[in-house]
């Protein structure tokens, strides 16, 4: 069964392994935590940090919000992706990792979805997603998942630019997806500079 895990470079899990949430539930359920027990040296988290794991469980993945001057910066990294929200721009890179098992693929997909959809609350001006090192072709279910991400950003009036690789099939597929779900607020190309210029 071809799902989002395939576009993330892992073998497709069974339906029971897919994340059980929708865009509405994610956006509606985002909890922006504030630093707690600061004076007491407690284990509170900085406002904006997202995690579904207990605070007592350390992790080197997931999101890592911090403040740089007056600009918010948050990041999310995993086995096959890097995402960052900085200076009101969401930038991400996804690459193939066929060696990941089902559990690893599912966890990486959850991290990506949590970050991309939750960061909409900060009203970014654009989404730049580099899939040039990802699979050349995505199947119907992966297309539907990508379409949900793109539609969420389009509905929030956020422009979308996708960097593709040299594969003609990949380029045609993403152009069709962006045209369908984003329209004139979307751009697909191989040149990073042109993608970022579109979002400027």
C-alpha atoms as a PDB file:
ATOM      1  CA  UNK A   1       0.000   0.000   0.000  1.00  0.00           C
ATOM      2  CA  UNK A   2       1.549   3.297  -1.088  1.00  0.00           C
ATOM      3  CA  UNK A   3       1.263   6.022   1.521  1.00  0.00           C
ATOM      4  CA  UNK A   4       3.088   9.057   2.828  1.00  0.00           C
ATOM      5  CA  UNK A   5       5.765   6.784   4.254  1.00  0.00           C
ATOM      6  CA  UNK A   6       6.795   5.963   0.673  1.00  0.00           C
ATOM      7  CA  UNK A   7       7.499   9.594  -0.214  1.00  0.00           C
ATOM      8  CA  UNK A   8       9.529   9.821   2.970  1.00  0.00           C
ATOM      9  CA  UNK A   9      11.718   6.945   1.840  1.00  0.00           C
ATOM     10  CA  UNK A  10      10.347   4.117   3.985  1.00  0.00           C
ATOM     11  CA  UNK A  11       8.324   1.060   3.130  1.00  0.00           C
ATOM     12  CA  UNK A  12       4.593   1.551   3.505  1.00  0.00           C
ATOM     13  CA  UNK A  13       3.103   0.455   6.861  1.00  0.00           C
ATOM     14  CA  UNK A  14      -0.312  -1.078   7.343  1.00  0.00           C
ATOM     15  CA  UNK A  15      -3.254   1.273   7.775  1.00  0.00           C
ATOM     16  CA  UNK A  16      -3.136   0.727  11.527  1.00  0.00           C
ATOM     17  CA  UNK A  17       0.318   2.304  11.603  1.00  0.00           C
ATOM     18  CA  UNK A  18      -0.744   5.547   9.991  1.00  0.00           C
ATOM     19  CA  UNK A  19      -1.073   8.641  12.192  1.00  0.00           C
ATOM     20  CA  UNK A  20      -4.597   8.986  13.478  1.00  0.00           C
ATOM     21  CA  UNK A  21      -5.257  12.643  13.002  1.00  0.00           C
ATOM     22  CA  UNK A  22      -6.497  15.119  10.463  1.00  0.00           C
ATOM     23  CA  UNK A  23      -5.439  18.646   9.553  1.00  0.00           C
ATOM     24  CA  UNK A  24      -8.383  20.032  11.520  1.00  0.00           C
ATOM     25  CA  UNK A  25      -7.481  18.035  14.620  1.00  0.00           C
ATOM     26  CA  UNK A  26      -3.822  19.037  14.442  1.00  0.00           C
ATOM     27  CA  UNK A  27      -4.407  22.741  13.923  1.00  0.00           C
ATOM     28  CA  UNK A  28      -7.251  22.801  16.433  1.00  0.00           C
ATOM     29  CA  UNK A  29      -5.339  20.774  18.972  1.00  0.00           C
ATOM     30  CA  UNK A  30      -2.023  22.568  18.900  1.00  0.00           C
ATOM     31  CA  UNK A  31      -0.976  23.428  22.405  1.00  0.00           C
ATOM     32  CA  UNK A  32       1.598  26.180  22.687  1.00  0.00           C
ATOM     33  CA  UNK A  33       3.229  25.513  26.009  1.00  0.00           C
ATOM     34  CA  UNK A  34       4.933  28.144  28.092  1.00  0.00           C
ATOM     35  CA  UNK A  35       8.010  27.703  30.200  1.00  0.00           C
ATOM     36  CA  UNK A  36       6.971  26.305  33.513  1.00  0.00           C
ATOM     37  CA  UNK A  37       8.725  26.140  36.841  1.00  0.00           C
ATOM     38  CA  UNK A  38      11.402  28.514  35.536  1.00  0.00           C
ATOM     39  CA  UNK A  39      12.387  29.754  38.955  1.00  0.00           C
ATOM     40  CA  UNK A  40      12.230  26.252  40.402  1.00  0.00           C
ATOM     41  CA  UNK A  41      14.382  24.783  37.648  1.00  0.00           C
ATOM     42  CA  UNK A  42      11.523  22.567  36.499  1.00  0.00           C
ATOM     43  CA  UNK A  43      11.200  20.644  33.252  1.00  0.00           C
ATOM     44  CA  UNK A  44       8.843  23.052  31.495  1.00  0.00           C
ATOM     45  CA  UNK A  45       9.140  23.723  27.790  1.00  0.00           C
ATOM     46  CA  UNK A  46       9.650  26.945  25.878  1.00  0.00           C
ATOM     47  CA  UNK A  47       6.533  28.426  24.284  1.00  0.00           C
ATOM     48  CA  UNK A  48       5.918  26.941  20.866  1.00  0.00           C
ATOM     49  CA  UNK A  49       7.651  23.596  21.420  1.00  0.00           C
ATOM     50  CA  UNK A  50       5.604  20.657  20.164  1.00  0.00           C
ATOM     51  CA  UNK A  51       5.946  17.131  21.449  1.00  0.00           C
ATOM     52  CA  UNK A  52       3.681  14.162  21.929  1.00  0.00           C
ATOM     53  CA  UNK A  53       6.254  12.521  24.189  1.00  0.00           C
ATOM     54  CA  UNK A  54       6.314  12.918  27.986  1.00  0.00           C
ATOM     55  CA  UNK A  55       8.580  15.720  29.108  1.00  0.00           C
ATOM     56  CA  UNK A  56      10.636  13.233  31.096  1.00  0.00           C
ATOM     57  CA  UNK A  57      11.660  11.402  27.914  1.00  0.00           C
ATOM     58  CA  UNK A  58      14.661  13.137  26.265  1.00  0.00           C
ATOM     59  CA  UNK A  59      14.836  13.197  22.475  1.00  0.00           C
ATOM     60  CA  UNK A  60      17.171  14.606  19.840  1.00  0.00           C
ATOM     61  CA  UNK A  61      14.412  14.776  17.238  1.00  0.00           C
ATOM     62  CA  UNK A  62      11.184  16.701  16.911  1.00  0.00           C
ATOM     63  CA  UNK A  63      10.926  20.442  17.167  1.00  0.00           C
ATOM     64  CA  UNK A  64      13.318  22.819  18.862  1.00  0.00           C
ATOM     65  CA  UNK A  65      11.948  26.348  19.224  1.00  0.00           C
ATOM     66  CA  UNK A  66      14.175  29.237  20.213  1.00  0.00           C
ATOM     67  CA  UNK A  67      14.265  32.999  19.899  1.00  0.00           C
ATOM     68  CA  UNK A  68      16.753  34.809  17.666  1.00  0.00           C
ATOM     69  CA  UNK A  69      16.417  38.519  18.262  1.00  0.00           C
ATOM     70  CA  UNK A  70      12.805  39.460  17.582  1.00  0.00           C
ATOM     71  CA  UNK A  71      12.258  36.559  15.157  1.00  0.00           C
ATOM     72  CA  UNK A  72      10.881  33.169  16.100  1.00  0.00           C
ATOM     73  CA  UNK A  73      12.921  30.166  15.049  1.00  0.00           C
ATOM     74  CA  UNK A  74      11.718  26.591  15.344  1.00  0.00           C
ATOM     75  CA  UNK A  75      13.187  23.445  13.858  1.00  0.00           C
ATOM     76  CA  UNK A  76      12.305  19.814  13.367  1.00  0.00           C
ATOM     77  CA  UNK A  77      14.748  17.152  12.229  1.00  0.00           C
ATOM     78  CA  UNK A  78      14.585  13.417  11.788  1.00  0.00           C
ATOM     79  CA  UNK A  79      16.083  10.514   9.916  1.00  0.00           C
ATOM     80  CA  UNK A  80      14.971  11.769   6.503  1.00  0.00           C
ATOM     81  CA  UNK A  81      13.974  15.385   6.922  1.00  0.00           C
ATOM     82  CA  UNK A  82      14.998  18.819   8.152  1.00  0.00           C
ATOM     83  CA  UNK A  83      12.496  21.606   8.736  1.00  0.00           C
ATOM     84  CA  UNK A  84      12.942  25.114  10.084  1.00  0.00           C
ATOM     85  CA  UNK A  85      10.703  28.102  10.658  1.00  0.00           C
ATOM     86  CA  UNK A  86      12.883  31.204  10.616  1.00  0.00           C
ATOM     87  CA  UNK A  87      12.209  34.837   9.698  1.00  0.00           C
ATOM     88  CA  UNK A  88       8.586  33.960   8.863  1.00  0.00           C
ATOM     89  CA  UNK A  89       9.631  31.360   6.280  1.00  0.00           C
ATOM     90  CA  UNK A  90       9.151  27.600   6.574  1.00  0.00           C
ATOM     91  CA  UNK A  91      11.979  25.717   4.868  1.00  0.00           C
ATOM     92  CA  UNK A  92      12.168  21.955   4.593  1.00  0.00           C
ATOM     93  CA  UNK A  93      14.099  19.157   2.946  1.00  0.00           C
ATOM     94  CA  UNK A  94      12.977  15.551   2.549  1.00  0.00           C
ATOM     95  CA  UNK A  95      15.162  12.784   1.169  1.00  0.00           C
ATOM     96  CA  UNK A  96      14.924   9.038   0.516  1.00  0.00           C
ATOM     97  CA  UNK A  97      15.761   6.584   3.299  1.00  0.00           C
ATOM     98  CA  UNK A  98      14.793   3.121   2.084  1.00  0.00           C
ATOM     99  CA  UNK A  99      16.614   1.583   5.040  1.00  0.00           C
ATOM    100  CA  UNK A 100      14.096   2.913   7.570  1.00  0.00           C
ATOM    101  CA  UNK A 101      11.732   0.382   9.088  1.00  0.00           C
ATOM    102  CA  UNK A 102       7.991   0.917   9.429  1.00  0.00           C
ATOM    103  CA  UNK A 103       8.112   2.431  12.915  1.00  0.00           C
ATOM    104  CA  UNK A 104      10.883   4.859  11.961  1.00  0.00           C
ATOM    105  CA  UNK A 105       9.085   5.902   8.796  1.00  0.00           C
ATOM    106  CA  UNK A 106       5.844   6.494  10.677  1.00  0.00           C
ATOM    107  CA  UNK A 107       7.539   8.575  13.372  1.00  0.00           C
ATOM    108  CA  UNK A 108       9.332  10.737  10.815  1.00  0.00           C
ATOM    109  CA  UNK A 109       6.076  11.332   8.959  1.00  0.00           C
ATOM    110  CA  UNK A 110       4.348  12.391  12.180  1.00  0.00           C
ATOM    111  CA  UNK A 111       7.153  14.844  12.940  1.00  0.00           C
ATOM    112  CA  UNK A 112       6.886  16.441   9.503  1.00  0.00           C
ATOM    113  CA  UNK A 113       3.119  16.745   9.616  1.00  0.00           C
ATOM    114  CA  UNK A 114       3.061  18.126  13.159  1.00  0.00           C
ATOM    115  CA  UNK A 115       5.622  20.785  12.309  1.00  0.00           C
ATOM    116  CA  UNK A 116       4.256  21.920   8.946  1.00  0.00           C
ATOM    117  CA  UNK A 117       0.665  22.220  10.096  1.00  0.00           C
ATOM    118  CA  UNK A 118       1.353  23.568  13.584  1.00  0.00           C
ATOM    119  CA  UNK A 119       3.632  26.322  12.286  1.00  0.00           C
ATOM    120  CA  UNK A 120       0.685  27.819  10.413  1.00  0.00           C
ATOM    121  CA  UNK A 121      -0.329  29.394  13.728  1.00  0.00           C
ATOM    122  CA  UNK A 122       2.697  31.701  13.381  1.00  0.00           C
ATOM    123  CA  UNK A 123       1.435  33.006  10.015  1.00  0.00           C
ATOM    124  CA  UNK A 124       4.539  32.340   7.917  1.00  0.00           C
ATOM    125  CA  UNK A 125       4.897  34.176   4.615  1.00  0.00           C
ATOM    126  CA  UNK A 126       5.930  31.103   2.651  1.00  0.00           C
ATOM    127  CA  UNK A 127       6.714  27.392   2.534  1.00  0.00           C
ATOM    128  CA  UNK A 128       9.835  26.200   0.687  1.00  0.00           C
ATOM    129  CA  UNK A 129      10.036  22.430   0.420  1.00  0.00           C
ATOM    130  CA  UNK A 130      12.993  20.704  -1.237  1.00  0.00           C
ATOM    131  CA  UNK A 131      12.067  17.209  -2.465  1.00  0.00           C
ATOM    132  CA  UNK A 132      14.846  16.986  -5.062  1.00  0.00           C
ATOM    133  CA  UNK A 133      16.377  14.027  -3.233  1.00  0.00           C
ATOM    134  CA  UNK A 134      13.039  12.349  -2.585  1.00  0.00           C
ATOM    135  CA  UNK A 135      11.351   9.599  -4.615  1.00  0.00           C
ATOM    136  CA  UNK A 136      10.756  10.462  -8.251  1.00  0.00           C
ATOM    137  CA  UNK A 137       7.138   9.285  -8.222  1.00  0.00           C
ATOM    138  CA  UNK A 138       4.494   9.394  -5.477  1.00  0.00           C
ATOM    139  CA  UNK A 139       1.386   7.219  -5.581  1.00  0.00           C
ATOM    140  CA  UNK A 140      -2.246   8.295  -5.126  1.00  0.00           C
ATOM    141  CA  UNK A 141      -2.339   8.175  -1.323  1.00  0.00           C
ATOM    142  CA  UNK A 142       0.910  10.082  -1.005  1.00  0.00           C
ATOM    143  CA  UNK A 143      -0.437  12.662  -3.442  1.00  0.00           C
ATOM    144  CA  UNK A 144      -3.527  13.061  -1.275  1.00  0.00           C
ATOM    145  CA  UNK A 145      -1.419  13.651   1.850  1.00  0.00           C
ATOM    146  CA  UNK A 146       0.820  16.154   0.104  1.00  0.00           C
ATOM    147  CA  UNK A 147      -2.278  17.829  -1.264  1.00  0.00           C
ATOM    148  CA  UNK A 148      -3.631  18.282   2.261  1.00  0.00           C
ATOM    149  CA  UNK A 149      -0.421  20.016   3.322  1.00  0.00           C
ATOM    150  CA  UNK A 150      -0.481  22.288   0.283  1.00  0.00           C
ATOM    151  CA  UNK A 151      -4.178  23.073   0.670  1.00  0.00           C
ATOM    152  CA  UNK A 152      -3.693  23.973   4.339  1.00  0.00           C
ATOM    153  CA  UNK A 153      -1.030  26.525   3.395  1.00  0.00           C
ATOM    154  CA  UNK A 154      -3.097  27.852   0.489  1.00  0.00           C
ATOM    155  CA  UNK A 155      -6.118  28.304   2.756  1.00  0.00           C
ATOM    156  CA  UNK A 156      -3.909  30.241   5.164  1.00  0.00           C
ATOM    157  CA  UNK A 157      -2.841  32.515   2.257  1.00  0.00           C
ATOM    158  CA  UNK A 158       0.736  31.247   2.446  1.00  0.00           C
ATOM    159  CA  UNK A 159       2.701  30.891  -0.775  1.00  0.00           C
ATOM    160  CA  UNK A 160       4.309  27.539  -1.573  1.00  0.00           C
ATOM    161  CA  UNK A 161       7.488  26.815  -3.549  1.00  0.00           C
ATOM    162  CA  UNK A 162       8.656  23.282  -4.247  1.00  0.00           C
ATOM    163  CA  UNK A 163      12.175  22.470  -5.381  1.00  0.00           C
ATOM    164  CA  UNK A 164      12.256  19.301  -7.477  1.00  0.00           C
ATOM    165  CA  UNK A 165      15.122  17.296  -8.929  1.00  0.00           C
ATOM    166  CA  UNK A 166      16.018  16.630 -12.566  1.00  0.00           C
ATOM    167  CA  UNK A 167      13.363  13.927 -12.933  1.00  0.00           C
ATOM    168  CA  UNK A 168      10.726  14.996 -15.460  1.00  0.00           C
ATOM    169  CA  UNK A 169       8.149  12.729 -13.796  1.00  0.00           C
ATOM    170  CA  UNK A 170       8.746  14.278 -10.390  1.00  0.00           C
ATOM    171  CA  UNK A 171       8.533  17.782 -11.830  1.00  0.00           C
ATOM    172  CA  UNK A 172       5.275  17.070 -13.679  1.00  0.00           C
ATOM    173  CA  UNK A 173       3.698  15.440 -10.629  1.00  0.00           C
ATOM    174  CA  UNK A 174       4.493  18.300  -8.263  1.00  0.00           C
ATOM    175  CA  UNK A 175       3.424  20.896 -10.800  1.00  0.00           C
ATOM    176  CA  UNK A 176       0.071  19.178 -11.077  1.00  0.00           C
ATOM    177  CA  UNK A 177      -0.315  18.957  -7.304  1.00  0.00           C
ATOM    178  CA  UNK A 178       0.623  22.594  -6.763  1.00  0.00           C
ATOM    179  CA  UNK A 179      -1.680  23.742  -9.546  1.00  0.00           C
ATOM    180  CA  UNK A 180      -4.561  21.745  -8.074  1.00  0.00           C
ATOM    181  CA  UNK A 181      -4.153  22.628  -4.410  1.00  0.00           C
ATOM    182  CA  UNK A 182      -2.329  25.968  -4.401  1.00  0.00           C
ATOM    183  CA  UNK A 183      -2.960  27.573  -7.776  1.00  0.00           C
ATOM    184  CA  UNK A 184      -1.128  30.792  -8.670  1.00  0.00           C
ATOM    185  CA  UNK A 185       0.246  31.016  -5.111  1.00  0.00           C
ATOM    186  CA  UNK A 186       2.480  28.019  -5.838  1.00  0.00           C
ATOM    187  CA  UNK A 187       5.711  27.487  -7.758  1.00  0.00           C
ATOM    188  CA  UNK A 188       7.680  24.378  -8.780  1.00  0.00           C
ATOM    189  CA  UNK A 189      11.237  24.459 -10.133  1.00  0.00           C
ATOM    190  CA  UNK A 190      14.780  23.127  -9.827  1.00  0.00           C
ATOM    191  CA  UNK A 191      16.492  26.416  -8.999  1.00  0.00           C
ATOM    192  CA  UNK A 192      16.637  27.272  -5.296  1.00  0.00           C
ATOM    193  CA  UNK A 193      17.079  30.984  -5.964  1.00  0.00           C
ATOM    194  CA  UNK A 194      13.949  31.174  -8.101  1.00  0.00           C
ATOM    195  CA  UNK A 195      11.946  29.258  -5.510  1.00  0.00           C
ATOM    196  CA  UNK A 196      12.984  31.633  -2.732  1.00  0.00           C
ATOM    197  CA  UNK A 197      12.459  34.675  -4.957  1.00  0.00           C
ATOM    198  CA  UNK A 198       8.885  33.544  -5.504  1.00  0.00           C
ATOM    199  CA  UNK A 199       8.338  33.608  -1.748  1.00  0.00           C
ATOM    200  CA  UNK A 200      10.027  36.972  -1.176  1.00  0.00           C
END
